[in-house]
Amino acid sequence: MIWPCRRGSVARDSARLDGWLPRSAWMLEHHTIDVPLPPADALAGITGLRLRDLPMVRVLFKLRGLSAPAGGATTLLHFFSTWPFLLLDEERGREIVGGVVGPFWQYGFGSLPRFIPDTPGGFRDALAEGRMAALANFRADPVPGGSRLWTETWVHAPAPGQRAAFTAYWLNIGPFSAWIRRMFLRSARARAVTGMTGGWVSKLDA
């Protein structure tokens, strides 16, 4: 899925992510995978993924100007909790929610956005001010036989100029973003079913 969708176009249960989405936000992606384990184990499978286990993802991140803060041993949870990304919310063992304020194409190359919030409250303020922002989650819900692990990505670009600029940007990176997220989910399932997760680790509680 590479083109923005309307809210509610994907049938799913409510999530912590919903509490962060402005009314004008667009859904960009929704990906799922079933895991034959309880939700906490399924989610631990993805939050504990190490970038060194995903060499092609590391290459794509590097081409985009993003590098892991502590090398290949960095976990996915750590990476998406480190500047310019921000961990916004968590339902322990079920969901994590993160975000980043744009313009996104400035990160890693050239100038930076004028203000980058470093707290969840600052992120809400940026949304209220009409700043461009992206929000995403990873969530595990119980289903017969285990869990459904899923992720969504949304963008908030309320001004016409923001929407036009973002659309051009997303047409270039959208296919790669979808491929990366599907790889995250497949790798998380493999990691979880082989018992390599080590249990749930909370970043917000750290």
C-alpha atoms as a PDB file:
ATOM      1  CA  MET A   1       0.000   0.000   0.000  1.00  0.00           C
ATOM      2  CA  ILE A   2       1.748   3.190  -1.151  1.00  0.00           C
ATOM      3  CA  TRP A   3      -1.043   5.748  -1.481  1.00  0.00           C
ATOM      4  CA  PRO A   4      -2.724   7.571   1.434  1.00  0.00           C
ATOM      5  CA  CYS A   5      -6.036   6.033   2.541  1.00  0.00           C
ATOM      6  CA  ARG A   6      -9.059   7.342   4.374  1.00  0.00           C
ATOM      7  CA  ARG A   7      -9.472   6.817   8.101  1.00  0.00           C
ATOM      8  CA  GLY A   8     -11.389   3.626   8.800  1.00  0.00           C
ATOM      9  CA  SER A   9     -10.527   2.006   5.463  1.00  0.00           C
ATOM     10  CA  VAL A  10      -8.946  -0.927   7.320  1.00  0.00           C
ATOM     11  CA  ALA A  11     -11.091  -2.920   9.739  1.00  0.00           C
ATOM     12  CA  ARG A  12      -9.347  -3.337  13.095  1.00  0.00           C
ATOM     13  CA  ASP A  13      -9.887  -2.925  16.817  1.00  0.00           C
ATOM     14  CA  SER A  14      -9.081   0.324  18.586  1.00  0.00           C
ATOM     15  CA  ALA A  15      -5.460   0.986  19.525  1.00  0.00           C
ATOM     16  CA  ARG A  16      -3.366   3.450  21.525  1.00  0.00           C
ATOM     17  CA  LEU A  17      -2.264   4.911  18.205  1.00  0.00           C
ATOM     18  CA  ASP A  18      -5.786   6.257  17.660  1.00  0.00           C
ATOM     19  CA  GLY A  19      -5.410   8.661  20.570  1.00  0.00           C
ATOM     20  CA  TRP A  20      -2.551  10.398  18.746  1.00  0.00           C
ATOM     21  CA  LEU A  21      -4.093  10.769  15.296  1.00  0.00           C
ATOM     22  CA  PRO A  22      -5.392  14.205  14.268  1.00  0.00           C
ATOM     23  CA  ARG A  23      -8.695  14.137  12.376  1.00  0.00           C
ATOM     24  CA  SER A  24      -6.927  15.136   9.154  1.00  0.00           C
ATOM     25  CA  ALA A  25      -4.288  12.383   9.311  1.00  0.00           C
ATOM     26  CA  TRP A  26      -3.915   9.984   6.375  1.00  0.00           C
ATOM     27  CA  MET A  27      -3.211   6.292   6.775  1.00  0.00           C
ATOM     28  CA  LEU A  28      -0.259   5.286   4.610  1.00  0.00           C
ATOM     29  CA  GLU A  29       0.268   1.624   5.443  1.00  0.00           C
ATOM     30  CA  HIS A  30      -1.264  -1.296   7.308  1.00  0.00           C
ATOM     31  CA  HIS A  31       0.550  -4.640   7.476  1.00  0.00           C
ATOM     32  CA  THR A  32      -0.210  -7.758   9.529  1.00  0.00           C
ATOM     33  CA  ILE A  33       1.216 -11.176  10.298  1.00  0.00           C
ATOM     34  CA  ASP A  34      -0.047 -13.978  12.538  1.00  0.00           C
ATOM     35  CA  VAL A  35       2.227 -15.347  15.266  1.00  0.00           C
ATOM     36  CA  PRO A  36       1.444 -18.592  17.171  1.00  0.00           C
ATOM     37  CA  LEU A  37       2.267 -16.994  20.533  1.00  0.00           C
ATOM     38  CA  PRO A  38       0.634 -14.655  23.097  1.00  0.00           C
ATOM     39  CA  PRO A  39       0.632 -10.917  22.277  1.00  0.00           C
ATOM     40  CA  ALA A  40       3.467  -9.974  24.655  1.00  0.00           C
ATOM     41  CA  ASP A  41       5.784 -12.544  23.049  1.00  0.00           C
ATOM     42  CA  ALA A  42       4.800 -11.494  19.543  1.00  0.00           C
ATOM     43  CA  LEU A  43       5.454  -7.821  20.306  1.00  0.00           C
ATOM     44  CA  ALA A  44       8.750  -8.645  22.009  1.00  0.00           C
ATOM     45  CA  GLY A  45       9.741 -10.372  18.793  1.00  0.00           C
ATOM     46  CA  ILE A  46       9.641  -7.077  16.923  1.00  0.00           C
ATOM     47  CA  THR A  47      10.801  -4.590  19.560  1.00  0.00           C
ATOM     48  CA  GLY A  48      13.896  -6.706  20.201  1.00  0.00           C
ATOM     49  CA  LEU A  49      14.896  -7.098  16.555  1.00  0.00           C
ATOM     50  CA  ARG A  50      18.510  -6.039  16.038  1.00  0.00           C
ATOM     51  CA  LEU A  51      19.449  -4.013  12.994  1.00  0.00           C
ATOM     52  CA  ARG A  52      22.459  -6.248  12.418  1.00  0.00           C
ATOM     53  CA  ASP A  53      19.956  -9.050  11.729  1.00  0.00           C
ATOM     54  CA  LEU A  54      18.402  -6.936   8.942  1.00  0.00           C
ATOM     55  CA  PRO A  55      21.315  -5.976   6.668  1.00  0.00           C
ATOM     56  CA  MET A  56      19.175  -4.778   3.761  1.00  0.00           C
ATOM     57  CA  VAL A  57      17.165  -2.552   6.080  1.00  0.00           C
ATOM     58  CA  ARG A  58      20.401  -1.052   7.415  1.00  0.00           C
ATOM     59  CA  VAL A  59      21.494  -0.326   3.851  1.00  0.00           C
ATOM     60  CA  LEU A  60      18.205   1.422   3.045  1.00  0.00           C
ATOM     61  CA  PHE A  61      18.363   3.441   6.268  1.00  0.00           C
ATOM     62  CA  LYS A  62      21.915   4.501   5.446  1.00  0.00           C
ATOM     63  CA  LEU A  63      20.927   5.548   1.924  1.00  0.00           C
ATOM     64  CA  ARG A  64      18.193   7.645   3.512  1.00  0.00           C
ATOM     65  CA  GLY A  65      20.780   9.331   5.773  1.00  0.00           C
ATOM     66  CA  LEU A  66      19.697   7.514   8.935  1.00  0.00           C
ATOM     67  CA  SER A  67      22.208   5.499  10.942  1.00  0.00           C
ATOM     68  CA  ALA A  68      21.807   3.326  14.026  1.00  0.00           C
ATOM     69  CA  PRO A  69      22.975   5.199  17.152  1.00  0.00           C
ATOM     70  CA  ALA A  70      24.904   2.240  18.518  1.00  0.00           C
ATOM     71  CA  GLY A  71      25.695   0.208  15.446  1.00  0.00           C
ATOM     72  CA  GLY A  72      24.241  -3.075  14.341  1.00  0.00           C
ATOM     73  CA  ALA A  73      23.429  -4.265  17.877  1.00  0.00           C
ATOM     74  CA  THR A  74      20.805  -1.534  18.195  1.00  0.00           C
ATOM     75  CA  THR A  75      17.294  -2.912  18.604  1.00  0.00           C
ATOM     76  CA  LEU A  76      14.349  -1.693  16.589  1.00  0.00           C
ATOM     77  CA  LEU A  77      12.793  -0.254  19.758  1.00  0.00           C
ATOM     78  CA  HIS A  78      15.954   1.696  20.551  1.00  0.00           C
ATOM     79  CA  PHE A  79      16.324   2.946  16.993  1.00  0.00           C
ATOM     80  CA  PHE A  80      12.785   4.311  16.858  1.00  0.00           C
ATOM     81  CA  SER A  81      13.178   5.877  20.319  1.00  0.00           C
ATOM     82  CA  THR A  82      16.262   7.869  19.344  1.00  0.00           C
ATOM     83  CA  TRP A  83      16.429  11.322  17.716  1.00  0.00           C
ATOM     84  CA  PRO A  84      14.751  12.342  15.478  1.00  0.00           C
ATOM     85  CA  PHE A  85      12.173   9.678  16.392  1.00  0.00           C
ATOM     86  CA  LEU A  86      10.189   9.784  19.620  1.00  0.00           C
ATOM     87  CA  LEU A  87       8.417   7.023  21.537  1.00  0.00           C
ATOM     88  CA  LEU A  88       4.993   8.472  22.340  1.00  0.00           C
ATOM     89  CA  ASP A  89       2.939   5.805  24.067  1.00  0.00           C
ATOM     90  CA  GLU A  90       2.894   2.198  25.177  1.00  0.00           C
ATOM     91  CA  GLU A  91       0.451  -0.460  26.260  1.00  0.00           C
ATOM     92  CA  ARG A  92       2.719  -2.878  28.017  1.00  0.00           C
ATOM     93  CA  GLY A  93       3.077  -6.114  26.095  1.00  0.00           C
ATOM     94  CA  ARG A  94       0.554  -5.013  23.451  1.00  0.00           C
ATOM     95  CA  GLU A  95       1.571  -1.851  21.611  1.00  0.00           C
ATOM     96  CA  ILE A  96       4.149   0.869  21.125  1.00  0.00           C
ATOM     97  CA  VAL A  97       3.477   4.177  19.348  1.00  0.00           C
ATOM     98  CA  GLY A  98       6.130   6.457  17.891  1.00  0.00           C
ATOM     99  CA  GLY A  99       6.350   9.607  15.834  1.00  0.00           C
ATOM    100  CA  VAL A 100       8.599  12.078  14.081  1.00  0.00           C
ATOM    101  CA  VAL A 101       8.044  15.710  13.079  1.00  0.00           C
ATOM    102  CA  GLY A 102       8.823  16.717   9.497  1.00  0.00           C
ATOM    103  CA  PRO A 103       9.697  17.764   6.881  1.00  0.00           C
ATOM    104  CA  PHE A 104      11.085  14.208   6.855  1.00  0.00           C
ATOM    105  CA  TRP A 105      13.300  14.593   3.801  1.00  0.00           C
ATOM    106  CA  GLN A 106      15.511  17.050   5.720  1.00  0.00           C
ATOM    107  CA  TYR A 107      16.711  14.445   8.213  1.00  0.00           C
ATOM    108  CA  GLY A 108      20.172  13.185   7.418  1.00  0.00           C
ATOM    109  CA  PHE A 109      20.716  15.674   4.592  1.00  0.00           C
ATOM    110  CA  GLY A 110      21.075  19.446   4.749  1.00  0.00           C
ATOM    111  CA  SER A 111      18.999  21.586   7.090  1.00  0.00           C
ATOM    112  CA  LEU A 112      16.779  20.352   9.899  1.00  0.00           C
ATOM    113  CA  PRO A 113      13.206  21.280  10.813  1.00  0.00           C
ATOM    114  CA  ARG A 114      12.988  24.400  12.951  1.00  0.00           C
ATOM    115  CA  PHE A 115      11.859  22.555  16.069  1.00  0.00           C
ATOM    116  CA  ILE A 116      12.095  18.894  16.971  1.00  0.00           C
ATOM    117  CA  PRO A 117      10.045  17.954  20.060  1.00  0.00           C
ATOM    118  CA  ASP A 118      11.709  15.671  22.575  1.00  0.00           C
ATOM    119  CA  THR A 119       8.689  14.786  24.744  1.00  0.00           C
ATOM    120  CA  PRO A 120       5.238  13.337  23.982  1.00  0.00           C
ATOM    121  CA  GLY A 121       3.685  16.608  25.172  1.00  0.00           C
ATOM    122  CA  GLY A 122       5.883  18.576  22.788  1.00  0.00           C
ATOM    123  CA  PHE A 123       4.822  16.268  19.984  1.00  0.00           C
ATOM    124  CA  ARG A 124       1.138  16.943  20.708  1.00  0.00           C
ATOM    125  CA  ASP A 125       1.891  20.668  20.650  1.00  0.00           C
ATOM    126  CA  ALA A 126       3.552  20.293  17.248  1.00  0.00           C
ATOM    127  CA  LEU A 127       0.456  18.525  15.914  1.00  0.00           C
ATOM    128  CA  ALA A 128      -1.794  21.262  17.303  1.00  0.00           C
ATOM    129  CA  GLU A 129       0.386  23.893  15.601  1.00  0.00           C
ATOM    130  CA  GLY A 130      -0.157  22.206  12.230  1.00  0.00           C
ATOM    131  CA  ARG A 131       3.334  20.767  11.900  1.00  0.00           C
ATOM    132  CA  MET A 132       3.837  17.902   9.483  1.00  0.00           C
ATOM    133  CA  ALA A 133       4.351  14.655  11.366  1.00  0.00           C
ATOM    134  CA  ALA A 134       4.367  10.892  10.895  1.00  0.00           C
ATOM    135  CA  LEU A 135       3.033   8.420  13.450  1.00  0.00           C
ATOM    136  CA  ALA A 136       3.338   4.647  13.531  1.00  0.00           C
ATOM    137  CA  ASN A 137       2.754   1.711  15.841  1.00  0.00           C
ATOM    138  CA  PHE A 138       3.400  -1.963  16.347  1.00  0.00           C
ATOM    139  CA  ARG A 139       0.603  -3.842  18.094  1.00  0.00           C
ATOM    140  CA  ALA A 140      -0.198  -7.465  18.909  1.00  0.00           C
ATOM    141  CA  ASP A 141      -3.838  -8.525  19.403  1.00  0.00           C
ATOM    142  CA  PRO A 142      -5.014 -11.974  20.509  1.00  0.00           C
ATOM    143  CA  VAL A 143      -6.567 -14.212  17.847  1.00  0.00           C
ATOM    144  CA  PRO A 144      -7.386 -17.935  17.872  1.00  0.00           C
ATOM    145  CA  GLY A 145      -4.105 -19.829  17.922  1.00  0.00           C
ATOM    146  CA  GLY A 146      -1.936 -16.899  18.976  1.00  0.00           C
ATOM    147  CA  SER A 147      -1.648 -13.225  18.025  1.00  0.00           C
ATOM    148  CA  ARG A 148      -2.017 -10.884  15.099  1.00  0.00           C
ATOM    149  CA  LEU A 149       0.984  -8.566  14.951  1.00  0.00           C
ATOM    150  CA  TRP A 150       0.303  -5.428  12.949  1.00  0.00           C
ATOM    151  CA  THR A 151       1.710  -2.027  12.160  1.00  0.00           C
ATOM    152  CA  GLU A 152       0.272   1.168  10.716  1.00  0.00           C
ATOM    153  CA  THR A 153       1.897   4.355   9.486  1.00  0.00           C
ATOM    154  CA  TRP A 154       0.077   7.686   9.282  1.00  0.00           C
ATOM    155  CA  VAL A 155       0.980  11.201   8.194  1.00  0.00           C
ATOM    156  CA  HIS A 156      -0.348  14.553   9.386  1.00  0.00           C
ATOM    157  CA  ALA A 157       0.091  17.176   6.666  1.00  0.00           C
ATOM    158  CA  PRO A 158      -2.823  19.593   7.091  1.00  0.00           C
ATOM    159  CA  ALA A 159      -1.736  22.414   4.760  1.00  0.00           C
ATOM    160  CA  PRO A 160      -2.133  22.036   0.962  1.00  0.00           C
ATOM    161  CA  GLY A 161       1.565  22.718   0.400  1.00  0.00           C
ATOM    162  CA  GLN A 162       2.495  20.095   2.979  1.00  0.00           C
ATOM    163  CA  ARG A 163       0.241  17.519   1.343  1.00  0.00           C
ATOM    164  CA  ALA A 164       1.689  18.175  -2.114  1.00  0.00           C
ATOM    165  CA  ALA A 165       5.288  17.973  -0.872  1.00  0.00           C
ATOM    166  CA  PHE A 166       4.618  14.846   1.145  1.00  0.00           C
ATOM    167  CA  THR A 167       2.845  13.094  -1.727  1.00  0.00           C
ATOM    168  CA  ALA A 168       5.894  13.600  -3.949  1.00  0.00           C
ATOM    169  CA  TYR A 169       8.134  12.297  -1.165  1.00  0.00           C
ATOM    170  CA  TRP A 170       5.946   9.250  -0.461  1.00  0.00           C
ATOM    171  CA  LEU A 171       5.718   8.212  -4.098  1.00  0.00           C
ATOM    172  CA  ASN A 172       9.503   7.784  -3.956  1.00  0.00           C
ATOM    173  CA  ILE A 173       9.895   6.040  -0.614  1.00  0.00           C
ATOM    174  CA  GLY A 174       6.494   4.366  -0.125  1.00  0.00           C
ATOM    175  CA  PRO A 175       7.355   1.050  -1.843  1.00  0.00           C
ATOM    176  CA  PHE A 176      10.569   0.749   0.198  1.00  0.00           C
ATOM    177  CA  SER A 177       8.740   1.617   3.408  1.00  0.00           C
ATOM    178  CA  ALA A 178       6.177  -1.132   2.785  1.00  0.00           C
ATOM    179  CA  TRP A 179       8.912  -3.667   2.037  1.00  0.00           C
ATOM    180  CA  ILE A 180      10.793  -2.747   5.225  1.00  0.00           C
ATOM    181  CA  ARG A 181       7.711  -3.099   7.415  1.00  0.00           C
ATOM    182  CA  ARG A 182       6.827  -6.480   5.953  1.00  0.00           C
ATOM    183  CA  MET A 183      10.393  -7.584   6.602  1.00  0.00           C
ATOM    184  CA  PHE A 184      10.102  -6.352  10.207  1.00  0.00           C
ATOM    185  CA  LEU A 185       7.000  -8.487  10.721  1.00  0.00           C
ATOM    186  CA  ARG A 186       8.403 -11.624   9.106  1.00  0.00           C
ATOM    187  CA  SER A 187      11.643 -11.346  11.072  1.00  0.00           C
ATOM    188  CA  ALA A 188       9.737 -10.714  14.296  1.00  0.00           C
ATOM    189  CA  ARG A 189       7.625 -13.838  13.821  1.00  0.00           C
ATOM    190  CA  ALA A 190      10.696 -15.959  13.123  1.00  0.00           C
ATOM    191  CA  ARG A 191      12.463 -14.527  16.153  1.00  0.00           C
ATOM    192  CA  ALA A 192       9.471 -15.050  18.433  1.00  0.00           C
ATOM    193  CA  VAL A 193       8.746 -18.642  17.449  1.00  0.00           C
ATOM    194  CA  THR A 194      12.374 -19.639  17.992  1.00  0.00           C
ATOM    195  CA  GLY A 195      12.269 -18.208  21.517  1.00  0.00           C
ATOM    196  CA  MET A 196      14.862 -15.491  20.919  1.00  0.00           C
ATOM    197  CA  THR A 197      12.861 -12.543  22.243  1.00  0.00           C
ATOM    198  CA  GLY A 198      14.101 -12.601  25.831  1.00  0.00           C
ATOM    199  CA  GLY A 199      10.705 -11.284  27.001  1.00  0.00           C
ATOM    200  CA  TRP A 200       9.062  -7.893  26.884  1.00  0.00           C
ATOM    201  CA  VAL A 201      11.242  -4.825  27.458  1.00  0.00           C
ATOM    202  CA  SER A 202       9.597  -1.469  28.145  1.00  0.00           C
ATOM    203  CA  LYS A 203      11.373   1.615  26.797  1.00  0.00           C
ATOM    204  CA  LEU A 204       9.072   4.065  28.554  1.00  0.00           C
ATOM    205  CA  ASP A 205       9.712   2.375  31.907  1.00  0.00           C
ATOM    206  CA  ALA A 206      13.497   2.395  31.422  1.00  0.00           C
END
